[in-house]
Amino acid sequence: MMRGNETACGLPVCLGMDAPADLLPLIIPHWHTFPPPSPLTHTILGITFTILTPVAVFGNLTVIVLYCRYRRLQTSTNLLVMNLALADLLMMSKAPIFIINSFAHRPCTGKLGCDIYGAVSLFSGLSAIWFLTAISLDRYRVVRLSLTASRSSKAQVGMRPAVCAVWGLSGVITCLPLIGWNRYVPEGVLSGCTVDYLSSGWGARSFVLLLLIVAWFAPMTAVVFAYISILIKVRRSGEELRQLDNLHLSILPPSHRRTQVRVAALVCLWALSWTPYALVVLISVTSNNTRVTPLLATIPSVFCKASACLNPYVYGLSLPAFSAKHPSIFSPTSLPPSPLHKFMLADGEIVMGRSYREAKQRETKKRKAVKKRKMCTPARHVTTRL
């Protein structure tokens, strides 16, 4: 029990005591039990966000501009990638609030700034998670059907309801804390805000449990299922093709090992981006809150912002379709062309190509040429007889 002028942290000033008056009621008493972070901690966090922000803005803006400028990139799959870039760009739009608070060494944007930061964080975070999940499921669909993503406007129209559903559902969930189900409060070193996951009331806990299910457990399950299924499909296809190849040559590029590494990297990227935050929230809900320190609660937000930097390069600009439109940066001319490999098409025909799409296009052109020659041959015979 505190006596006299003693504070919860045992120091003259505890974490959050120098916040604006309208923000003090929103600071959870749990944070008052910690001393203020050192100026060096605030400065490092501010510098980190200052570096991450332009990198993320450049990458995501590049994806959006390329998608809007080149009609060839406007496929159903790239529609998801472009919306992911929008979500990541929105996520970084609130970084100036965090940077200002970090270099001020205290929260100074007040309740309005906290509500804006928390609402934008939740809205963009939910959208990014669900678009990442949709991209993984779409890749699973493409591999399962052994077809490339359709470029037709019909395919994009079919994907647009899913895109609208993601934005709409994210907006609905974001508004719930503003109308009384949970609330947006400062967290960690108090430079940023999020939903209240430390209060023990059923209203706050129920909303947090909802977020854990729809924003982490369900998407994580879907992502792992999709990429593991892709690995299984690729391995089975490779075994079937080897049985048909008497020379025992490599048939399915990239190699299985390269495919496994890429799939493992995608799963790890998703897990490292969002699991730390989910674990902090899970600990606060199911265990003692004293384990959640200000720095422990702040570090996961750095992982989320780092994912906003990596996503446009991993899911967009690293793809051949995007890099071909930006050769000076993402597709150096000094790189040698990819080697030819064997592919088995849906009708069992084995065709050479650098990718499945190229092999399919070659076979289509070949069949058109044969059909054209067959159509022209009778005309020559008639002319000769006449």
Protein backbone atom coordinates (compact mmCIF):
# COMPACT_ATOMS: atom_id res chain seq x y z
CA MET A 1 0.00 0.00 0.00
CA MET A 2 1.39 3.40 -1.01
CA ARG A 3 2.01 6.03 1.66
CA GLY A 4 2.40 9.79 1.33
CA ASN A 5 3.88 10.84 -1.98
CA GLU A 6 4.89 7.33 -2.99
CA THR A 7 3.96 6.22 -6.49
CA ALA A 8 3.12 2.81 -7.90
CA CYS A 9 6.57 2.51 -9.46
CA GLY A 10 8.48 3.85 -6.46
CA LEU A 11 9.76 6.90 -8.36
CA PRO A 12 8.61 10.53 -8.28
CA VAL A 13 7.19 10.18 -11.83
CA CYS A 14 5.92 6.91 -13.28
CA LEU A 15 5.14 5.96 -16.85
CA GLY A 16 2.25 8.01 -18.24
CA MET A 17 1.98 10.57 -15.44
CA ASP A 18 3.16 13.37 -17.75
CA ALA A 19 0.54 12.61 -20.43
CA PRO A 20 -2.04 15.22 -21.51
CA ALA A 21 -4.95 15.62 -19.14
CA ASP A 22 -7.53 14.22 -21.57
CA LEU A 23 -5.38 11.12 -22.10
CA LEU A 24 -4.70 10.27 -18.43
CA PRO A 25 -8.07 8.54 -17.84
CA LEU A 26 -7.34 6.20 -20.76
CA ILE A 27 -3.97 5.00 -19.47
CA ILE A 28 -4.35 1.58 -17.84
CA PRO A 29 -3.12 1.62 -14.19
CA HIS A 30 -0.87 -1.31 -15.09
CA TRP A 31 1.48 1.04 -16.98
CA HIS A 32 1.79 3.35 -13.95
CA THR A 33 3.62 0.56 -12.12
CA PHE A 34 6.64 0.96 -14.43
CA PRO A 35 9.21 3.75 -14.52
CA PRO A 36 9.35 5.89 -17.65
CA PRO A 37 11.51 4.41 -20.43
CA SER A 38 14.91 5.97 -20.91
CA PRO A 39 15.25 8.76 -23.50
CA LEU A 40 17.52 6.42 -25.46
CA THR A 41 14.71 3.84 -25.75
CA HIS A 42 12.30 6.46 -27.08
CA THR A 43 14.92 7.78 -29.50
CA ILE A 44 15.75 4.32 -30.87
CA LEU A 45 12.05 3.58 -31.43
CA GLY A 46 11.57 6.96 -33.12
CA ILE A 47 14.56 6.41 -35.42
CA THR A 48 13.36 2.89 -36.25
CA PHE A 49 9.93 4.12 -37.31
CA THR A 50 11.52 7.01 -39.21
CA ILE A 51 13.54 4.50 -41.26
CA LEU A 52 10.73 2.01 -41.79
CA THR A 53 8.17 4.59 -42.93
CA PRO A 54 9.78 5.81 -46.22
CA VAL A 55 10.80 2.25 -47.15
CA ALA A 56 7.23 1.03 -46.71
CA VAL A 57 5.73 4.04 -48.47
CA PHE A 58 8.05 3.67 -51.48
CA GLY A 59 7.46 -0.08 -51.88
CA ASN A 60 3.68 0.04 -51.47
CA LEU A 61 3.25 3.13 -53.65
CA THR A 62 5.31 1.44 -56.37
CA VAL A 63 3.00 -1.61 -56.33
CA ILE A 64 -0.10 0.59 -56.49
CA VAL A 65 1.24 2.78 -59.32
CA LEU A 66 2.39 -0.21 -61.40
CA TYR A 67 -0.95 -1.97 -60.95
CA CYS A 68 -2.94 1.12 -61.96
CA ARG A 69 -0.65 2.02 -64.87
CA TYR A 70 -0.26 -1.34 -66.63
CA ARG A 71 -3.38 -3.19 -67.65
CA ARG A 72 -1.43 -6.43 -67.98
CA LEU A 73 -0.85 -6.42 -64.21
CA GLN A 74 -4.56 -6.05 -63.43
CA THR A 75 -5.22 -9.72 -62.69
CA SER A 76 -7.39 -11.14 -59.95
CA THR A 77 -4.35 -12.17 -57.89
CA ASN A 78 -2.64 -8.80 -58.33
CA LEU A 79 -5.86 -7.12 -57.24
CA LEU A 80 -5.29 -8.69 -53.82
CA VAL A 81 -1.64 -7.63 -53.86
CA MET A 82 -2.59 -4.06 -54.70
CA ASN A 83 -5.15 -3.92 -51.87
CA LEU A 84 -2.56 -5.36 -49.49
CA ALA A 85 -0.29 -2.48 -50.51
CA LEU A 86 -3.14 -0.04 -49.76
CA ALA A 87 -3.61 -1.58 -46.31
CA ASP A 88 0.13 -1.42 -45.56
CA LEU A 89 0.30 2.16 -46.80
CA LEU A 90 -2.59 3.04 -44.49
CA MET A 91 -0.80 1.27 -41.63
CA MET A 92 2.22 3.53 -42.07
CA SER A 93 0.11 6.69 -42.32
CA LYS A 94 -0.12 6.82 -38.53
CA ALA A 95 3.62 6.48 -38.01
CA PRO A 96 4.09 10.28 -37.61
CA ILE A 97 2.07 10.14 -34.37
CA PHE A 98 4.37 7.45 -32.97
CA ILE A 99 7.47 9.33 -34.14
CA ILE A 100 6.32 12.61 -32.56
CA ASN A 101 5.58 10.90 -29.24
CA SER A 102 8.89 9.02 -29.34
CA PHE A 103 11.07 12.09 -29.85
CA ALA A 104 8.99 14.01 -27.28
CA HIS A 105 9.67 11.12 -24.83
CA ARG A 106 6.03 11.12 -23.76
CA PRO A 107 2.52 10.88 -25.26
CA CYS A 108 1.60 14.36 -26.43
CA THR A 109 -1.13 13.92 -29.06
CA GLY A 110 -4.01 13.56 -26.60
CA LYS A 111 -7.17 11.45 -26.76
CA LEU A 112 -7.97 12.37 -30.37
CA GLY A 113 -4.54 11.29 -31.53
CA CYS A 114 -4.91 8.04 -29.57
CA ASP A 115 -8.29 7.27 -31.14
CA ILE A 116 -6.96 7.99 -34.63
CA TYR A 117 -3.85 5.89 -34.08
CA GLY A 118 -5.80 2.97 -32.56
CA ALA A 119 -8.55 2.99 -35.18
CA VAL A 120 -6.13 3.19 -38.12
CA SER A 121 -3.98 0.46 -36.55
CA LEU A 122 -6.89 -1.93 -36.16
CA PHE A 123 -8.44 -1.16 -39.55
CA SER A 124 -5.20 -1.49 -41.52
CA GLY A 125 -3.98 -4.46 -39.48
CA LEU A 126 -7.17 -6.48 -40.00
CA SER A 127 -7.21 -5.63 -43.71
CA ALA A 128 -3.56 -6.59 -44.18
CA ILE A 129 -4.01 -9.90 -42.32
CA TRP A 130 -7.06 -10.88 -44.35
CA PHE A 131 -5.53 -9.85 -47.68
CA LEU A 132 -2.43 -11.92 -46.86
CA THR A 133 -4.73 -14.84 -46.07
CA ALA A 134 -6.66 -14.32 -49.31
CA ILE A 135 -3.41 -14.27 -51.31
CA SER A 136 -2.29 -17.57 -49.79
CA LEU A 137 -5.66 -19.20 -50.50
CA ASP A 138 -5.63 -17.83 -54.04
CA ARG A 139 -2.18 -19.32 -54.63
CA TYR A 140 -3.45 -22.64 -53.32
CA ARG A 141 -6.38 -22.44 -55.75
CA VAL A 142 -4.06 -21.71 -58.66
CA VAL A 143 -1.73 -24.59 -57.85
CA ARG A 144 -4.57 -27.02 -57.17
CA LEU A 145 -6.18 -26.28 -60.52
CA SER A 146 -2.79 -26.15 -62.28
CA LEU A 147 -3.86 -22.91 -63.94
CA THR A 148 -2.38 -19.47 -64.03
CA ALA A 149 -4.34 -16.58 -62.59
CA SER A 150 -6.97 -15.37 -65.03
CA ARG A 151 -6.53 -11.96 -66.61
CA SER A 152 -10.11 -11.61 -67.66
CA SER A 153 -12.27 -8.86 -66.28
CA LYS A 154 -14.71 -11.55 -65.18
CA ALA A 155 -12.11 -12.98 -62.78
CA GLN A 156 -11.47 -9.54 -61.30
CA VAL A 157 -15.19 -8.93 -60.88
CA GLY A 158 -15.40 -12.23 -59.00
CA MET A 159 -12.58 -11.12 -56.67
CA ARG A 160 -13.95 -7.65 -56.01
CA PRO A 161 -16.73 -8.81 -53.64
CA ALA A 162 -14.06 -10.47 -51.49
CA VAL A 163 -12.01 -7.26 -51.50
CA CYS A 164 -15.06 -5.21 -50.53
CA ALA A 165 -15.90 -7.72 -47.80
CA VAL A 166 -12.42 -7.38 -46.29
CA TRP A 167 -12.57 -3.59 -46.21
CA GLY A 168 -16.17 -3.56 -44.99
CA LEU A 169 -15.68 -6.08 -42.18
CA SER A 170 -12.49 -4.35 -41.09
CA GLY A 171 -14.38 -1.06 -40.90
CA VAL A 172 -17.19 -2.57 -38.84
CA ILE A 173 -14.84 -4.15 -36.29
CA THR A 174 -12.81 -0.92 -36.10
CA CYS A 175 -15.90 1.08 -35.16
CA LEU A 176 -16.91 -1.23 -32.30
CA PRO A 177 -14.45 0.23 -29.73
CA LEU A 178 -15.63 3.73 -30.66
CA ILE A 179 -19.23 2.86 -29.74
CA GLY A 180 -18.51 1.14 -26.42
CA TRP A 181 -17.33 -2.43 -27.03
CA ASN A 182 -13.76 -2.08 -25.73
CA ARG A 183 -11.83 1.18 -26.31
CA TYR A 184 -8.60 2.55 -27.74
CA VAL A 185 -5.94 3.16 -25.07
CA PRO A 186 -2.18 3.91 -24.96
CA GLU A 187 0.03 0.84 -24.76
CA GLY A 188 3.62 -0.05 -24.02
CA VAL A 189 5.85 3.01 -23.84
CA LEU A 190 2.65 4.99 -24.59
CA SER A 191 3.83 6.30 -27.96
CA GLY A 192 1.05 4.38 -29.71
CA CYS A 193 -2.47 3.16 -28.99
CA THR A 194 -4.44 -0.02 -29.49
CA VAL A 195 -7.49 -1.79 -28.07
CA ASP A 196 -7.62 -2.37 -24.32
CA TYR A 197 -6.34 -5.92 -23.76
CA LEU A 198 -5.31 -5.45 -20.11
CA SER A 199 -8.67 -4.70 -18.48
CA SER A 200 -10.31 -7.65 -16.78
CA GLY A 201 -13.90 -6.69 -17.61
CA TRP A 202 -15.90 -9.12 -19.74
CA GLY A 203 -16.67 -6.46 -22.33
CA ALA A 204 -12.98 -5.76 -23.00
CA ARG A 205 -11.98 -9.43 -22.80
CA SER A 206 -14.70 -10.63 -25.17
CA PHE A 207 -13.62 -8.17 -27.86
CA VAL A 208 -9.98 -9.20 -27.46
CA LEU A 209 -10.93 -12.88 -27.76
CA LEU A 210 -12.86 -12.06 -30.94
CA LEU A 211 -9.76 -10.41 -32.40
CA LEU A 212 -7.57 -13.36 -31.44
CA ILE A 213 -9.88 -15.67 -33.37
CA VAL A 214 -10.59 -13.62 -36.51
CA ALA A 215 -7.25 -11.81 -36.77
CA TRP A 216 -4.78 -14.49 -35.75
CA PHE A 217 -5.98 -18.06 -35.15
CA ALA A 218 -8.27 -18.40 -38.20
CA PRO A 219 -5.93 -16.59 -40.66
CA MET A 220 -2.89 -18.46 -39.36
CA THR A 221 -4.68 -21.78 -39.83
CA ALA A 222 -5.70 -20.83 -43.38
CA VAL A 223 -2.19 -19.65 -44.33
CA VAL A 224 -0.49 -22.80 -42.98
CA PHE A 225 -3.09 -25.02 -44.68
CA ALA A 226 -2.68 -23.24 -48.02
CA TYR A 227 1.10 -23.36 -48.18
CA ILE A 228 1.40 -26.91 -46.85
CA SER A 229 -1.14 -27.98 -49.47
CA ILE A 230 0.94 -26.24 -52.13
CA LEU A 231 4.01 -28.18 -51.02
CA ILE A 232 2.10 -31.46 -51.14
CA LYS A 233 0.70 -30.65 -54.60
CA VAL A 234 4.13 -29.70 -55.97
CA ARG A 235 5.75 -32.84 -54.57
CA ARG A 236 3.03 -35.12 -55.97
CA SER A 237 3.22 -33.44 -59.36
CA GLY A 238 6.97 -33.89 -59.43
CA GLU A 239 6.69 -37.59 -58.60
CA GLU A 240 4.09 -38.12 -61.33
CA LEU A 241 6.23 -36.33 -63.89
CA ARG A 242 9.35 -38.29 -62.95
CA GLN A 243 7.47 -41.51 -63.56
CA LEU A 244 6.73 -40.29 -67.10
CA ASP A 245 10.29 -39.13 -67.77
CA ASN A 246 12.57 -42.00 -68.78
CA LEU A 247 15.67 -39.79 -68.64
CA HIS A 248 15.08 -38.82 -65.00
CA LEU A 249 15.60 -35.14 -65.74
CA SER A 250 14.41 -32.28 -63.59
CA ILE A 251 10.87 -31.57 -64.74
CA LEU A 252 9.21 -29.21 -62.29
CA PRO A 253 11.01 -25.92 -61.62
CA PRO A 254 11.75 -24.42 -59.27
CA SER A 255 13.26 -27.38 -57.51
CA HIS A 256 11.41 -28.88 -54.59
CA ARG A 257 14.00 -27.59 -52.19
CA ARG A 258 13.69 -24.06 -53.53
CA THR A 259 9.91 -24.25 -53.36
CA GLN A 260 10.04 -25.53 -49.79
CA VAL A 261 12.36 -22.71 -48.78
CA ARG A 262 10.10 -20.09 -50.36
CA VAL A 263 6.95 -21.50 -48.76
CA ALA A 264 8.68 -21.74 -45.38
CA ALA A 265 9.82 -18.12 -45.75
CA LEU A 266 6.28 -16.93 -46.50
CA VAL A 267 4.83 -18.77 -43.50
CA CYS A 268 7.60 -17.50 -41.23
CA LEU A 269 7.14 -13.93 -42.48
CA TRP A 270 3.44 -14.07 -41.68
CA ALA A 271 4.06 -15.66 -38.27
CA LEU A 272 6.84 -13.25 -37.28
CA SER A 273 4.75 -10.26 -38.34
CA TRP A 274 1.63 -10.99 -36.31
CA THR A 275 2.32 -13.76 -33.78
CA PRO A 276 4.37 -11.60 -31.34
CA TYR A 277 1.42 -9.24 -30.93
CA ALA A 278 -0.99 -12.13 -30.55
CA LEU A 279 1.23 -13.73 -27.89
CA VAL A 280 1.40 -10.51 -25.87
CA VAL A 281 -2.39 -10.19 -25.98
CA LEU A 282 -2.80 -13.89 -25.16
CA ILE A 283 -0.51 -13.58 -22.14
CA SER A 284 -2.41 -10.57 -20.86
CA VAL A 285 -5.75 -12.38 -21.21
CA THR A 286 -4.82 -15.79 -19.82
CA SER A 287 -2.00 -15.01 -17.40
CA ASN A 288 -0.71 -12.38 -14.99
CA ASN A 289 -0.50 -8.89 -16.50
CA THR A 290 2.74 -8.19 -14.62
CA ARG A 291 4.58 -10.18 -17.31
CA VAL A 292 3.63 -7.57 -19.91
CA THR A 293 6.26 -4.84 -19.68
CA PRO A 294 6.12 -1.58 -21.68
CA LEU A 295 8.95 -2.63 -23.99
CA LEU A 296 7.50 -6.13 -24.46
CA ALA A 297 4.17 -4.59 -25.52
CA THR A 298 5.85 -2.15 -27.94
CA ILE A 299 8.24 -4.46 -29.80
CA PRO A 300 5.43 -6.37 -31.63
CA SER A 301 4.30 -3.14 -33.26
CA VAL A 302 7.79 -2.84 -34.78
CA PHE A 303 7.36 -6.31 -36.33
CA CYS A 304 4.00 -5.24 -37.80
CA LYS A 305 5.54 -2.13 -39.37
CA ALA A 306 8.46 -4.19 -40.68
CA SER A 307 5.96 -6.49 -42.42
CA ALA A 308 4.45 -3.44 -44.12
CA CYS A 309 7.94 -2.78 -45.53
CA LEU A 310 8.54 -6.36 -46.69
CA ASN A 311 5.09 -7.23 -48.06
CA PRO A 312 5.28 -5.14 -51.27
CA TYR A 313 8.65 -6.66 -52.16
CA VAL A 314 7.78 -10.25 -51.21
CA TYR A 315 4.24 -10.44 -52.62
CA GLY A 316 4.47 -7.84 -55.40
CA LEU A 317 7.74 -6.45 -56.70
CA SER A 318 9.62 -9.77 -56.56
CA LEU A 319 7.16 -11.33 -59.02
CA PRO A 320 8.28 -11.36 -62.69
CA ALA A 321 5.15 -9.52 -63.83
CA PHE A 322 5.97 -6.54 -61.57
CA SER A 323 9.74 -6.61 -61.91
CA ALA A 324 9.47 -6.59 -65.72
CA LYS A 325 7.76 -3.19 -65.46
CA HIS A 326 10.57 -1.83 -63.32
CA PRO A 327 13.76 -3.25 -64.94
CA SER A 328 16.15 -0.63 -63.66
CA ILE A 329 15.68 -1.69 -60.03
CA PHE A 330 14.05 -5.08 -59.75
CA SER A 331 15.10 -6.91 -62.90
CA PRO A 332 18.81 -6.33 -63.69
CA THR A 333 19.70 -7.04 -67.30
CA SER A 334 22.93 -8.70 -66.18
CA LEU A 335 21.07 -11.71 -64.81
CA PRO A 336 21.16 -14.76 -67.12
CA PRO A 337 17.83 -16.06 -68.48
CA SER A 338 16.16 -18.88 -66.64
CA PRO A 339 16.91 -22.40 -67.99
CA LEU A 340 14.30 -24.39 -69.87
CA HIS A 341 12.42 -27.12 -68.03
CA LYS A 342 9.81 -29.72 -68.81
CA PHE A 343 6.17 -29.19 -67.85
CA MET A 344 3.21 -31.52 -68.15
CA LEU A 345 0.04 -29.75 -69.25
CA ALA A 346 -3.48 -30.68 -68.24
CA ASP A 347 -3.90 -32.92 -71.32
CA GLY A 348 -0.73 -34.88 -70.51
CA GLU A 349 1.44 -33.13 -73.14
CA ILE A 350 5.01 -32.42 -71.97
CA VAL A 351 6.33 -29.06 -73.20
CA MET A 352 9.59 -27.17 -72.65
CA GLY A 353 9.58 -23.70 -71.14
CA ARG A 354 11.02 -21.41 -68.48
CA SER A 355 7.72 -21.44 -66.56
CA TYR A 356 4.40 -23.24 -66.70
CA ARG A 357 2.78 -20.18 -68.27
CA GLU A 358 5.42 -19.96 -71.01
CA ALA A 359 5.13 -23.69 -71.74
CA LYS A 360 1.36 -23.40 -71.99
CA GLN A 361 1.64 -20.39 -74.30
CA ARG A 362 4.11 -22.22 -76.53
CA GLU A 363 1.80 -25.20 -76.85
CA THR A 364 -1.16 -22.93 -77.62
CA LYS A 365 0.79 -21.14 -80.38
CA LYS A 366 1.94 -24.48 -81.78
CA ARG A 367 -1.59 -25.84 -81.93
CA LYS A 368 -2.89 -22.67 -83.58
CA ALA A 369 -0.16 -22.89 -86.20
CA VAL A 370 -0.97 -26.55 -86.93
CA LYS A 371 -4.67 -25.76 -87.16
CA LYS A 372 -3.97 -22.87 -89.54
CA ARG A 373 -1.85 -25.09 -91.80
CA LYS A 374 -4.59 -27.72 -91.91
CA MET A 375 -7.12 -25.09 -92.92
CA CYS A 376 -4.85 -23.77 -95.69
CA THR A 377 -3.84 -27.16 -97.14
CA PRO A 378 -7.19 -28.03 -98.83
CA ALA A 379 -7.29 -24.63 -100.50
CA ARG A 380 -3.91 -25.30 -102.17
CA HIS A 381 -5.08 -28.69 -103.47
CA VAL A 382 -8.18 -27.16 -104.96
CA THR A 383 -6.14 -24.46 -106.66
CA THR A 384 -3.72 -27.03 -108.10
CA ARG A 385 -6.49 -29.18 -109.52
CA LEU A 386 -8.12 -26.19 -111.15
